[in-house]
Amino acid sequence: MRKQYMLPESACGDCLLHFCCESCALCQEHRELKHRGYDMSIGWQGNMDNQNRGIAMAPGVQGGMTR
């Protein structure tokens, strides 16, 4: 996701974050996708189908996640 959405890298590496606190990392990824307009109830393939059909997704936010 970091490469796909050009998110800034943090001091703690992605691999280390997933190893130490996988539930926190997955929760953070879920919030990022939801913030970008993905509908979690239809799954990844459903969201890709919506994009391919031209259904508008939420605009991308520059600068990554903020509180």
C-alpha atoms as a PDB file:
ATOM      1  CA  MET A   1       0.000   0.000   0.000  1.00  0.00           C
ATOM      2  CA  ARG A   2       2.846   2.360   0.791  1.00  0.00           C
ATOM      3  CA  LYS A   3       4.212   2.128  -2.748  1.00  0.00           C
ATOM      4  CA  GLN A   4       0.790   2.159  -4.454  1.00  0.00           C
ATOM      5  CA  TYR A   5      -0.422   5.289  -2.645  1.00  0.00           C
ATOM      6  CA  MET A   6       3.009   6.929  -2.165  1.00  0.00           C
ATOM      7  CA  LEU A   7       2.654   6.976   1.621  1.00  0.00           C
ATOM      8  CA  PRO A   8       5.641   8.312   3.593  1.00  0.00           C
ATOM      9  CA  GLU A   9       7.791   5.739   5.338  1.00  0.00           C
ATOM     10  CA  SER A  10       7.821   5.727   9.124  1.00  0.00           C
ATOM     11  CA  ALA A  11      10.750   5.228  11.464  1.00  0.00           C
ATOM     12  CA  CYS A  12       9.504   1.707  12.249  1.00  0.00           C
ATOM     13  CA  GLY A  13       9.672  -0.538   9.173  1.00  0.00           C
ATOM     14  CA  ASP A  14       6.520  -2.153   7.808  1.00  0.00           C
ATOM     15  CA  CYS A  15       7.841  -5.655   8.385  1.00  0.00           C
ATOM     16  CA  LEU A  16       8.710  -4.903  12.008  1.00  0.00           C
ATOM     17  CA  LEU A  17       5.310  -3.297  12.614  1.00  0.00           C
ATOM     18  CA  HIS A  18       3.465  -6.341  11.226  1.00  0.00           C
ATOM     19  CA  PHE A  19       5.684  -8.680  13.236  1.00  0.00           C
ATOM     20  CA  CYS A  20       5.278  -6.844  16.565  1.00  0.00           C
ATOM     21  CA  CYS A  21       1.658  -5.743  16.327  1.00  0.00           C
ATOM     22  CA  GLU A  22      -0.119  -7.261  13.347  1.00  0.00           C
ATOM     23  CA  SER A  23      -3.585  -6.238  14.532  1.00  0.00           C
ATOM     24  CA  CYS A  24      -2.501  -2.574  14.779  1.00  0.00           C
ATOM     25  CA  ALA A  25      -0.963  -2.666  11.305  1.00  0.00           C
ATOM     26  CA  LEU A  26      -4.056  -4.260   9.756  1.00  0.00           C
ATOM     27  CA  CYS A  27      -6.329  -1.771  11.496  1.00  0.00           C
ATOM     28  CA  GLN A  28      -4.233   1.094  10.132  1.00  0.00           C
ATOM     29  CA  GLU A  29      -4.413  -0.342   6.591  1.00  0.00           C
ATOM     30  CA  HIS A  30      -8.191  -0.784   6.926  1.00  0.00           C
ATOM     31  CA  ARG A  31      -8.614   2.873   7.958  1.00  0.00           C
ATOM     32  CA  GLU A  32      -6.427   4.052   5.071  1.00  0.00           C
ATOM     33  CA  LEU A  33      -8.460   2.119   2.487  1.00  0.00           C
ATOM     34  CA  LYS A  34     -11.756   3.244   4.017  1.00  0.00           C
ATOM     35  CA  HIS A  35     -10.510   6.848   3.976  1.00  0.00           C
ATOM     36  CA  ARG A  36      -9.750   6.439   0.256  1.00  0.00           C
ATOM     37  CA  GLY A  37     -13.343   5.370  -0.450  1.00  0.00           C
ATOM     38  CA  TYR A  38     -13.115   1.592  -0.534  1.00  0.00           C
ATOM     39  CA  ASP A  39     -16.223  -0.316   0.599  1.00  0.00           C
ATOM     40  CA  MET A  40     -14.965  -3.086   2.861  1.00  0.00           C
ATOM     41  CA  SER A  41     -18.258  -4.993   2.714  1.00  0.00           C
ATOM     42  CA  ILE A  42     -17.831  -5.871  -0.999  1.00  0.00           C
ATOM     43  CA  GLY A  43     -14.222  -7.037  -0.726  1.00  0.00           C
ATOM     44  CA  TRP A  44     -11.168  -6.223  -2.816  1.00  0.00           C
ATOM     45  CA  GLN A  45     -12.498  -7.656  -6.082  1.00  0.00           C
ATOM     46  CA  GLY A  46     -15.780  -5.756  -5.729  1.00  0.00           C
ATOM     47  CA  ASN A  47     -13.877  -2.503  -5.275  1.00  0.00           C
ATOM     48  CA  MET A  48     -11.683  -3.247  -8.299  1.00  0.00           C
ATOM     49  CA  ASP A  49     -14.796  -3.982 -10.370  1.00  0.00           C
ATOM     50  CA  ASN A  50     -16.302  -0.660  -9.270  1.00  0.00           C
ATOM     51  CA  GLN A  51     -13.138   1.181 -10.320  1.00  0.00           C
ATOM     52  CA  ASN A  52     -13.107  -0.548 -13.702  1.00  0.00           C
ATOM     53  CA  ARG A  53     -16.763   0.361 -14.310  1.00  0.00           C
ATOM     54  CA  GLY A  54     -16.006   3.994 -13.615  1.00  0.00           C
ATOM     55  CA  ILE A  55     -17.830   4.254 -10.296  1.00  0.00           C
ATOM     56  CA  ALA A  56     -16.239   7.204  -8.559  1.00  0.00           C
ATOM     57  CA  MET A  57     -14.099   6.531  -5.551  1.00  0.00           C
ATOM     58  CA  ALA A  58     -13.229   9.115  -2.930  1.00  0.00           C
ATOM     59  CA  PRO A  59     -10.391  11.399  -4.042  1.00  0.00           C
ATOM     60  CA  GLY A  60      -6.922  10.552  -2.827  1.00  0.00           C
ATOM     61  CA  VAL A  61      -5.500  12.556   0.026  1.00  0.00           C
ATOM     62  CA  GLN A  62      -1.996  13.950  -0.266  1.00  0.00           C
ATOM     63  CA  GLY A  63       0.361  13.455   2.631  1.00  0.00           C
ATOM     64  CA  GLY A  64      -0.850  10.130   4.026  1.00  0.00           C
ATOM     65  CA  MET A  65      -2.932   9.455   7.105  1.00  0.00           C
ATOM     66  CA  THR A  66      -3.614  12.046   9.780  1.00  0.00           C
ATOM     67  CA  ARG A  67      -5.653  11.960  12.947  1.00  0.00           C
END
